[in-house]
PDB file of all heavy atoms in Angstrom:
ATOM      1  N   THR A   1     144.115 251.434  75.191  1.00  0.00           N
ATOM      2  CA  THR A   1     143.774 252.821  75.173  1.00  0.00           C
ATOM      3  C   THR A   1     145.004 253.713  74.818  1.00  0.00           C
ATOM      4  O   THR A   1     144.815 254.630  73.935  1.00  0.00           O
ATOM      5  CB  THR A   1     143.253 253.233  76.520  1.00  0.00           C
ATOM      6  OG1 THR A   1     142.137 252.387  76.921  1.00  0.00           O
ATOM      7  CG2 THR A   1     142.671 254.652  76.487  1.00  0.00           C
ATOM      8  N   LEU A   2     146.175 253.405  75.394  1.00  0.00           N
ATOM      9  CA  LEU A   2     147.293 254.176  75.098  1.00  0.00           C
ATOM     10  C   LEU A   2     147.725 253.990  73.598  1.00  0.00           C
ATOM     11  O   LEU A   2     147.949 254.913  72.892  1.00  0.00           O
ATOM     12  CB  LEU A   2     148.532 253.769  75.858  1.00  0.00           C
ATOM     13  CG  LEU A   2     148.476 254.158  77.434  1.00  0.00           C
ATOM     14  CD1 LEU A   2     149.551 253.485  78.221  1.00  0.00           C
ATOM     15  CD2 LEU A   2     148.460 255.623  77.566  1.00  0.00           C
ATOM     16  N   ALA A   3     147.674 252.774  73.128  1.00  0.00           N
ATOM     17  CA  ALA A   3     147.943 252.416  71.779  1.00  0.00           C
ATOM     18  C   ALA A   3     146.916 253.152  70.825  1.00  0.00           C
ATOM     19  O   ALA A   3     147.281 253.752  69.782  1.00  0.00           O
ATOM     20  CB  ALA A   3     147.979 250.987  71.455  1.00  0.00           C
ATOM     21  N   GLY A   4     145.684 253.094  71.273  1.00  0.00           N
ATOM     22  CA  GLY A   4     144.549 253.678  70.371  1.00  0.00           C
ATOM     23  C   GLY A   4     144.739 255.175  70.280  1.00  0.00           C
ATOM     24  O   GLY A   4     144.591 255.792  69.191  1.00  0.00           O
ATOM     25  N   SER A   5     145.173 255.845  71.362  1.00  0.00           N
ATOM     26  CA  SER A   5     145.409 257.396  71.321  1.00  0.00           C
ATOM     27  C   SER A   5     146.529 257.622  70.395  1.00  0.00           C
ATOM     28  O   SER A   5     146.427 258.616  69.577  1.00  0.00           O
ATOM     29  CB  SER A   5     145.639 257.868  72.693  1.00  0.00           C
ATOM     30  OG  SER A   5     146.863 257.363  73.257  1.00  0.00           O
ATOM     31  N   LEU A   6     147.575 256.765  70.320  1.00  0.00           N
ATOM     32  CA  LEU A   6     148.749 257.066  69.353  1.00  0.00           C
ATOM     33  C   LEU A   6     148.240 256.842  67.939  1.00  0.00           C
ATOM     34  O   LEU A   6     148.713 257.600  67.061  1.00  0.00           O
ATOM     35  CB  LEU A   6     149.801 256.080  69.720  1.00  0.00           C
ATOM     36  CG  LEU A   6     150.580 256.329  71.040  1.00  0.00           C
ATOM     37  CD1 LEU A   6     151.458 255.171  71.395  1.00  0.00           C
ATOM     38  CD2 LEU A   6     151.329 257.567  71.020  1.00  0.00           C
ATOM     39  N   LEU A   7     147.378 255.831  67.689  1.00  0.00           N
ATOM     40  CA  LEU A   7     146.859 255.629  66.337  1.00  0.00           C
ATOM     41  C   LEU A   7     145.909 256.800  65.922  1.00  0.00           C
ATOM     42  O   LEU A   7     145.990 257.267  64.761  1.00  0.00           O
ATOM     43  CB  LEU A   7     146.056 254.400  66.295  1.00  0.00           C
ATOM     44  CG  LEU A   7     146.969 253.081  66.464  1.00  0.00           C
ATOM     45  CD1 LEU A   7     146.085 251.843  66.439  1.00  0.00           C
ATOM     46  CD2 LEU A   7     147.958 253.004  65.309  1.00  0.00           C
ATOM     47  N   VAL A   8     145.162 257.304  66.841  1.00  0.00           N
ATOM     48  CA  VAL A   8     144.312 258.490  66.503  1.00  0.00           C
ATOM     49  C   VAL A   8     145.168 259.674  66.186  1.00  0.00           C
ATOM     50  O   VAL A   8     144.893 260.466  65.295  1.00  0.00           O
ATOM     51  CB  VAL A   8     143.316 258.769  67.773  1.00  0.00           C
ATOM     52  CG1 VAL A   8     142.585 260.148  67.447  1.00  0.00           C
ATOM     53  CG2 VAL A   8     142.303 257.660  67.869  1.00  0.00           C
ATOM     54  N   ALA A   9     146.240 259.924  66.961  1.00  0.00           N
ATOM     55  CA  ALA A   9     147.150 260.977  66.741  1.00  0.00           C
ATOM     56  C   ALA A   9     147.796 260.858  65.334  1.00  0.00           C
ATOM     57  O   ALA A   9     148.025 261.854  64.604  1.00  0.00           O
ATOM     58  CB  ALA A   9     148.214 261.042  67.815  1.00  0.00           C
ATOM     59  N   THR A  10     148.101 259.566  64.967  1.00  0.00           N
ATOM     60  CA  THR A  10     148.668 259.292  63.664  1.00  0.00           C
ATOM     61  C   THR A  10     147.666 259.765  62.552  1.00  0.00           C
ATOM     62  O   THR A  10     148.036 260.396  61.540  1.00  0.00           O
ATOM     63  CB  THR A  10     148.942 257.824  63.523  1.00  0.00           C
ATOM     64  OG1 THR A  10     149.855 257.422  64.542  1.00  0.00           O
ATOM     65  CG2 THR A  10     149.597 257.579  62.197  1.00  0.00           C
ATOM     66  N   ALA A  11     146.400 259.384  62.772  1.00  0.00           N
ATOM     67  CA  ALA A  11     145.380 259.739  61.820  1.00  0.00           C
ATOM     68  C   ALA A  11     145.349 261.360  61.596  1.00  0.00           C
ATOM     69  O   ALA A  11     145.156 261.766  60.551  1.00  0.00           O
ATOM     70  CB  ALA A  11     144.083 259.236  62.195  1.00  0.00           C
ATOM     71  N   GLY A  12     145.445 262.020  62.765  1.00  0.00           N
ATOM     72  CA  GLY A  12     145.383 263.398  62.763  1.00  0.00           C
ATOM     73  C   GLY A  12     146.458 264.018  61.912  1.00  0.00           C
ATOM     74  O   GLY A  12     146.350 264.929  61.210  1.00  0.00           O
ATOM     75  N   GLN A  13     147.705 263.409  62.190  1.00  0.00           N
ATOM     76  CA  GLN A  13     148.871 263.998  61.447  1.00  0.00           C
ATOM     77  C   GLN A  13     148.777 263.617  59.934  1.00  0.00           C
ATOM     78  O   GLN A  13     149.308 264.469  59.128  1.00  0.00           O
ATOM     79  CB  GLN A  13     150.115 263.510  62.050  1.00  0.00           C
ATOM     80  CG  GLN A  13     150.470 264.083  63.403  1.00  0.00           C
ATOM     81  CD  GLN A  13     151.885 263.831  63.947  1.00  0.00           C
ATOM     82  OE1 GLN A  13     151.955 263.648  65.155  1.00  0.00           O
ATOM     83  NE2 GLN A  13     152.759 263.812  63.074  1.00  0.00           N
ATOM     84  N   LEU A  14     148.211 262.528  59.629  1.00  0.00           N
ATOM     85  CA  LEU A  14     148.086 262.163  58.231  1.00  0.00           C
ATOM     86  C   LEU A  14     147.129 263.165  57.468  1.00  0.00           C
ATOM     87  O   LEU A  14     147.411 263.561  56.319  1.00  0.00           O
ATOM     88  CB  LEU A  14     147.596 260.755  58.071  1.00  0.00           C
ATOM     89  CG  LEU A  14     148.613 259.633  58.309  1.00  0.00           C
ATOM     90  CD1 LEU A  14     147.918 258.217  58.325  1.00  0.00           C
ATOM     91  CD2 LEU A  14     149.711 259.663  57.305  1.00  0.00           C
ATOM     92  N   LEU A  15     146.110 263.547  58.239  1.00  0.00           N
ATOM     93  CA  LEU A  15     145.095 264.594  57.628  1.00  0.00           C
ATOM     94  C   LEU A  15     145.873 265.834  57.373  1.00  0.00           C
ATOM     95  O   LEU A  15     145.682 266.479  56.330  1.00  0.00           O
ATOM     96  CB  LEU A  15     143.956 264.741  58.612  1.00  0.00           C
ATOM     97  CG  LEU A  15     142.824 263.760  58.472  1.00  0.00           C
ATOM     98  CD1 LEU A  15     141.875 263.984  59.685  1.00  0.00           C
ATOM     99  CD2 LEU A  15     142.103 263.866  57.181  1.00  0.00           C
ATOM    100  N   LEU A  16     146.715 266.245  58.351  1.00  0.00           N
ATOM    101  CA  LEU A  16     147.429 267.529  58.231  1.00  0.00           C
ATOM    102  C   LEU A  16     148.533 267.420  57.189  1.00  0.00           C
ATOM    103  O   LEU A  16     148.762 268.344  56.308  1.00  0.00           O
ATOM    104  CB  LEU A  16     148.071 267.908  59.532  1.00  0.00           C
ATOM    105  CG  LEU A  16     147.094 268.383  60.733  1.00  0.00           C
ATOM    106  CD1 LEU A  16     147.948 268.531  61.908  1.00  0.00           C
ATOM    107  CD2 LEU A  16     146.403 269.623  60.303  1.00  0.00           C
ATOM    108  N   GLY A  17     149.222 266.314  57.084  1.00  0.00           N
ATOM    109  CA  GLY A  17     150.342 266.214  56.174  1.00  0.00           C
ATOM    110  C   GLY A  17     150.041 265.862  54.812  1.00  0.00           C
ATOM    111  O   GLY A  17     150.916 266.072  53.852  1.00  0.00           O
ATOM    112  N   LEU A  18     148.925 265.162  54.547  1.00  0.00           N
ATOM    113  CA  LEU A  18     148.507 264.696  53.159  1.00  0.00           C
ATOM    114  C   LEU A  18     147.458 265.627  52.480  1.00  0.00           C
ATOM    115  O   LEU A  18     147.187 265.309  51.344  1.00  0.00           O
ATOM    116  CB  LEU A  18     148.049 263.288  53.212  1.00  0.00           C
ATOM    117  CG  LEU A  18     149.084 262.258  53.707  1.00  0.00           C
ATOM    118  CD1 LEU A  18     148.564 260.870  53.735  1.00  0.00           C
ATOM    119  CD2 LEU A  18     150.386 262.248  52.927  1.00  0.00           C
ATOM    120  N   THR A  19     146.979 266.514  53.199  1.00  0.00           N
ATOM    121  CA  THR A  19     145.954 267.374  52.663  1.00  0.00           C
ATOM    122  C   THR A  19     146.292 268.865  52.814  1.00  0.00           C
ATOM    123  O   THR A  19     147.245 269.209  53.627  1.00  0.00           O
ATOM    124  CB  THR A  19     144.535 267.099  53.185  1.00  0.00           C
ATOM    125  OG1 THR A  19     144.576 267.485  54.672  1.00  0.00           O
ATOM    126  CG2 THR A  19     144.146 265.672  53.191  1.00  0.00           C
ATOM    127  N   SER A  20     145.518 269.731  52.278  1.00  0.00           N
ATOM    128  CA  SER A  20     145.780 271.149  52.483  1.00  0.00           C
ATOM    129  C   SER A  20     144.475 271.975  52.436  1.00  0.00           C
ATOM    130  O   SER A  20     144.385 272.893  51.761  1.00  0.00           O
ATOM    131  CB  SER A  20     146.774 271.664  51.328  1.00  0.00           C
ATOM    132  OG  SER A  20     148.008 271.009  51.348  1.00  0.00           O
ATOM    133  N   SER A  21     143.533 271.433  53.207  1.00  0.00           N
ATOM    134  CA  SER A  21     142.280 272.139  53.220  1.00  0.00           C
ATOM    135  C   SER A  21     141.849 272.526  54.675  1.00  0.00           C
ATOM    136  O   SER A  21     142.217 271.789  55.676  1.00  0.00           O
ATOM    137  CB  SER A  21     141.138 271.319  52.657  1.00  0.00           C
ATOM    138  OG  SER A  21     140.891 270.196  53.499  1.00  0.00           O
ATOM    139  N   PRO A  22     141.146 273.583  54.906  1.00  0.00           N
ATOM    140  CA  PRO A  22     140.777 274.031  56.282  1.00  0.00           C
ATOM    141  C   PRO A  22     140.008 272.967  56.970  1.00  0.00           C
ATOM    142  O   PRO A  22     140.215 272.693  58.187  1.00  0.00           O
ATOM    143  CB  PRO A  22     140.008 275.266  56.053  1.00  0.00           C
ATOM    144  CG  PRO A  22     140.592 275.873  54.849  1.00  0.00           C
ATOM    145  CD  PRO A  22     140.890 274.715  53.911  1.00  0.00           C
ATOM    146  N   PRO A  23     138.992 272.301  56.278  1.00  0.00           N
ATOM    147  CA  PRO A  23     138.152 271.314  57.008  1.00  0.00           C
ATOM    148  C   PRO A  23     139.036 270.140  57.498  1.00  0.00           C
ATOM    149  O   PRO A  23     138.903 269.600  58.611  1.00  0.00           O
ATOM    150  CB  PRO A  23     137.152 270.828  55.988  1.00  0.00           C
ATOM    151  CG  PRO A  23     136.999 271.991  55.005  1.00  0.00           C
ATOM    152  CD  PRO A  23     138.461 272.598  54.943  1.00  0.00           C
ATOM    153  N   ALA A  24     139.967 269.647  56.616  1.00  0.00           N
ATOM    154  CA  ALA A  24     140.818 268.567  57.039  1.00  0.00           C
ATOM    155  C   ALA A  24     141.717 268.986  58.165  1.00  0.00           C
ATOM    156  O   ALA A  24     142.062 268.162  59.058  1.00  0.00           O
ATOM    157  CB  ALA A  24     141.698 268.130  55.799  1.00  0.00           C
ATOM    158  N   THR A  25     142.235 270.172  58.104  1.00  0.00           N
ATOM    159  CA  THR A  25     143.056 270.707  59.169  1.00  0.00           C
ATOM    160  C   THR A  25     142.324 270.721  60.504  1.00  0.00           C
ATOM    161  O   THR A  25     142.844 270.377  61.515  1.00  0.00           O
ATOM    162  CB  THR A  25     143.597 272.196  58.814  1.00  0.00           C
ATOM    163  OG1 THR A  25     144.325 272.052  57.656  1.00  0.00           O
ATOM    164  CG2 THR A  25     144.444 272.650  59.957  1.00  0.00           C
ATOM    165  N   VAL A  26     141.068 271.264  60.481  1.00  0.00           N
ATOM    166  CA  VAL A  26     140.300 271.286  61.700  1.00  0.00           C
ATOM    167  C   VAL A  26     140.121 269.846  62.257  1.00  0.00           C
ATOM    168  O   VAL A  26     140.273 269.535  63.477  1.00  0.00           O
ATOM    169  CB  VAL A  26     138.884 271.903  61.437  1.00  0.00           C
ATOM    170  CG1 VAL A  26     137.955 271.650  62.519  1.00  0.00           C
ATOM    171  CG2 VAL A  26     139.045 273.354  61.139  1.00  0.00           C
ATOM    172  N   ALA A  27     139.797 268.908  61.316  1.00  0.00           N
ATOM    173  CA  ALA A  27     139.644 267.445  61.800  1.00  0.00           C
ATOM    174  C   ALA A  27     140.941 266.846  62.354  1.00  0.00           C
ATOM    175  O   ALA A  27     140.995 266.186  63.350  1.00  0.00           O
ATOM    176  CB  ALA A  27     139.153 266.654  60.570  1.00  0.00           C
ATOM    177  N   GLY A  28     142.051 267.231  61.729  1.00  0.00           N
ATOM    178  CA  GLY A  28     143.336 266.755  62.153  1.00  0.00           C
ATOM    179  C   GLY A  28     143.749 267.285  63.513  1.00  0.00           C
ATOM    180  O   GLY A  28     144.274 266.523  64.373  1.00  0.00           O
ATOM    181  N   LEU A  29     143.525 268.543  63.727  1.00  0.00           N
ATOM    182  CA  LEU A  29     143.874 269.169  65.046  1.00  0.00           C
ATOM    183  C   LEU A  29     142.971 268.574  66.111  1.00  0.00           C
ATOM    184  O   LEU A  29     143.382 268.401  67.187  1.00  0.00           O
ATOM    185  CB  LEU A  29     143.628 270.730  64.922  1.00  0.00           C
ATOM    186  CG  LEU A  29     144.644 271.513  64.021  1.00  0.00           C
ATOM    187  CD1 LEU A  29     144.228 272.898  63.905  1.00  0.00           C
ATOM    188  CD2 LEU A  29     146.004 271.354  64.706  1.00  0.00           C
ATOM    189  N   ALA A  30     141.627 268.465  65.755  1.00  0.00           N
ATOM    190  CA  ALA A  30     140.764 267.905  66.858  1.00  0.00           C
ATOM    191  C   ALA A  30     141.127 266.497  67.178  1.00  0.00           C
ATOM    192  O   ALA A  30     141.117 266.043  68.368  1.00  0.00           O
ATOM    193  CB  ALA A  30     139.315 267.918  66.288  1.00  0.00           C
ATOM    194  N   LEU A  31     141.481 265.675  66.183  1.00  0.00           N
ATOM    195  CA  LEU A  31     141.927 264.301  66.547  1.00  0.00           C
ATOM    196  C   LEU A  31     143.229 264.231  67.353  1.00  0.00           C
ATOM    197  O   LEU A  31     143.313 263.493  68.233  1.00  0.00           O
ATOM    198  CB  LEU A  31     142.065 263.482  65.146  1.00  0.00           C
ATOM    199  CG  LEU A  31     140.706 263.091  64.432  1.00  0.00           C
ATOM    200  CD1 LEU A  31     141.181 262.436  63.061  1.00  0.00           C
ATOM    201  CD2 LEU A  31     140.001 262.094  65.241  1.00  0.00           C
ATOM    202  N   GLY A  32     144.180 265.058  66.847  1.00  0.00           N
ATOM    203  CA  GLY A  32     145.487 265.047  67.613  1.00  0.00           C
ATOM    204  C   GLY A  32     145.338 265.478  69.020  1.00  0.00           C
ATOM    205  O   GLY A  32     145.945 264.844  69.966  1.00  0.00           O
ATOM    206  N   SER A  33     144.560 266.497  69.260  1.00  0.00           N
ATOM    207  CA  SER A  33     144.318 267.010  70.623  1.00  0.00           C
ATOM    208  C   SER A  33     143.473 266.041  71.448  1.00  0.00           C
ATOM    209  O   SER A  33     143.772 265.870  72.669  1.00  0.00           O
ATOM    210  CB  SER A  33     143.723 268.331  70.551  1.00  0.00           C
ATOM    211  OG  SER A  33     144.596 269.368  70.019  1.00  0.00           O
ATOM    212  N   PHE A  34     142.521 265.411  70.819  1.00  0.00           N
ATOM    213  CA  PHE A  34     141.683 264.362  71.533  1.00  0.00           C
ATOM    214  C   PHE A  34     142.666 263.264  71.933  1.00  0.00           C
ATOM    215  O   PHE A  34     142.592 262.782  73.132  1.00  0.00           O
ATOM    216  CB  PHE A  34     140.604 263.815  70.566  1.00  0.00           C
ATOM    217  CG  PHE A  34     139.902 262.654  71.128  1.00  0.00           C
ATOM    218  CD1 PHE A  34     138.757 262.955  71.892  1.00  0.00           C
ATOM    219  CD2 PHE A  34     140.198 261.343  70.969  1.00  0.00           C
ATOM    220  CE1 PHE A  34     138.026 261.921  72.424  1.00  0.00           C
ATOM    221  CE2 PHE A  34     139.549 260.299  71.489  1.00  0.00           C
ATOM    222  CZ  PHE A  34     138.443 260.557  72.252  1.00  0.00           C
ATOM    223  N   ALA A  35     143.545 262.774  71.089  1.00  0.00           N
ATOM    224  CA  ALA A  35     144.400 261.708  71.422  1.00  0.00           C
ATOM    225  C   ALA A  35     145.362 262.103  72.535  1.00  0.00           C
ATOM    226  O   ALA A  35     145.684 261.343  73.453  1.00  0.00           O
ATOM    227  CB  ALA A  35     145.248 261.339  70.120  1.00  0.00           C
ATOM    228  N   PHE A  36     145.918 263.323  72.529  1.00  0.00           N
ATOM    229  CA  PHE A  36     146.777 263.736  73.540  1.00  0.00           C
ATOM    230  C   PHE A  36     146.170 263.882  74.873  1.00  0.00           C
ATOM    231  O   PHE A  36     146.676 263.523  75.884  1.00  0.00           O
ATOM    232  CB  PHE A  36     147.436 265.160  73.153  1.00  0.00           C
ATOM    233  CG  PHE A  36     148.800 265.308  73.720  1.00  0.00           C
ATOM    234  CD1 PHE A  36     149.876 264.539  73.323  1.00  0.00           C
ATOM    235  CD2 PHE A  36     149.061 266.378  74.558  1.00  0.00           C
ATOM    236  CE1 PHE A  36     151.147 264.737  73.725  1.00  0.00           C
ATOM    237  CE2 PHE A  36     150.323 266.566  75.046  1.00  0.00           C
ATOM    238  CZ  PHE A  36     151.345 265.769  74.711  1.00  0.00           C
ATOM    239  N   GLY A  37     144.879 264.328  74.889  1.00  0.00           N
ATOM    240  CA  GLY A  37     144.053 264.344  76.149  1.00  0.00           C
ATOM    241  C   GLY A  37     143.835 262.974  76.707  1.00  0.00           C
ATOM    242  O   GLY A  37     144.080 262.846  77.898  1.00  0.00           O
ATOM    243  N   VAL A  38     143.505 262.070  75.913  1.00  0.00           N
ATOM    244  CA  VAL A  38     143.330 260.671  76.472  1.00  0.00           C
ATOM    245  C   VAL A  38     144.650 260.137  76.927  1.00  0.00           C
ATOM    246  O   VAL A  38     144.728 259.542  78.031  1.00  0.00           O
ATOM    247  CB  VAL A  38     142.868 259.723  75.318  1.00  0.00           C
ATOM    248  CG1 VAL A  38     142.891 258.236  75.765  1.00  0.00           C
ATOM    249  CG2 VAL A  38     141.384 260.140  74.910  1.00  0.00           C
ATOM    250  N   TRP A  39     145.809 260.302  76.187  1.00  0.00           N
ATOM    251  CA  TRP A  39     147.117 259.815  76.614  1.00  0.00           C
ATOM    252  C   TRP A  39     147.450 260.387  77.918  1.00  0.00           C
ATOM    253  O   TRP A  39     147.890 259.718  78.790  1.00  0.00           O
ATOM    254  CB  TRP A  39     148.092 260.163  75.613  1.00  0.00           C
ATOM    255  CG  TRP A  39     149.486 259.842  75.992  1.00  0.00           C
ATOM    256  CD1 TRP A  39     150.328 260.579  76.741  1.00  0.00           C
ATOM    257  CD2 TRP A  39     150.152 258.606  75.721  1.00  0.00           C
ATOM    258  NE1 TRP A  39     151.496 259.937  76.992  1.00  0.00           N
ATOM    259  CE2 TRP A  39     151.461 258.726  76.372  1.00  0.00           C
ATOM    260  CE3 TRP A  39     149.916 257.507  75.031  1.00  0.00           C
ATOM    261  CZ2 TRP A  39     152.364 257.704  76.350  1.00  0.00           C
ATOM    262  CZ3 TRP A  39     150.837 256.470  74.945  1.00  0.00           C
ATOM    263  CH2 TRP A  39     152.067 256.588  75.579  1.00  0.00           C
ATOM    264  N   ASN A  40     147.264 261.687  78.173  1.00  0.00           N
ATOM    265  CA  ASN A  40     147.734 262.330  79.386  1.00  0.00           C
ATOM    266  C   ASN A  40     147.015 261.707  80.625  1.00  0.00           C
ATOM    267  O   ASN A  40     147.617 261.527  81.665  1.00  0.00           O
ATOM    268  CB  ASN A  40     147.449 263.870  79.262  1.00  0.00           C
ATOM    269  CG  ASN A  40     148.485 264.571  78.443  1.00  0.00           C
ATOM    270  OD1 ASN A  40     149.579 264.064  78.342  1.00  0.00           O
ATOM    271  ND2 ASN A  40     148.135 265.734  77.878  1.00  0.00           N
TER     272      ASN A  40
END
């Protein structure tokens, strides 16, 4: 679960870092925050 949350956070940052669109940003933020919530 901890490893999975880190991988989900990675996916979120890839969406933010490799794209420049509002929908991708929304998805990236949601994934990153989801992962951080699980990790905590």
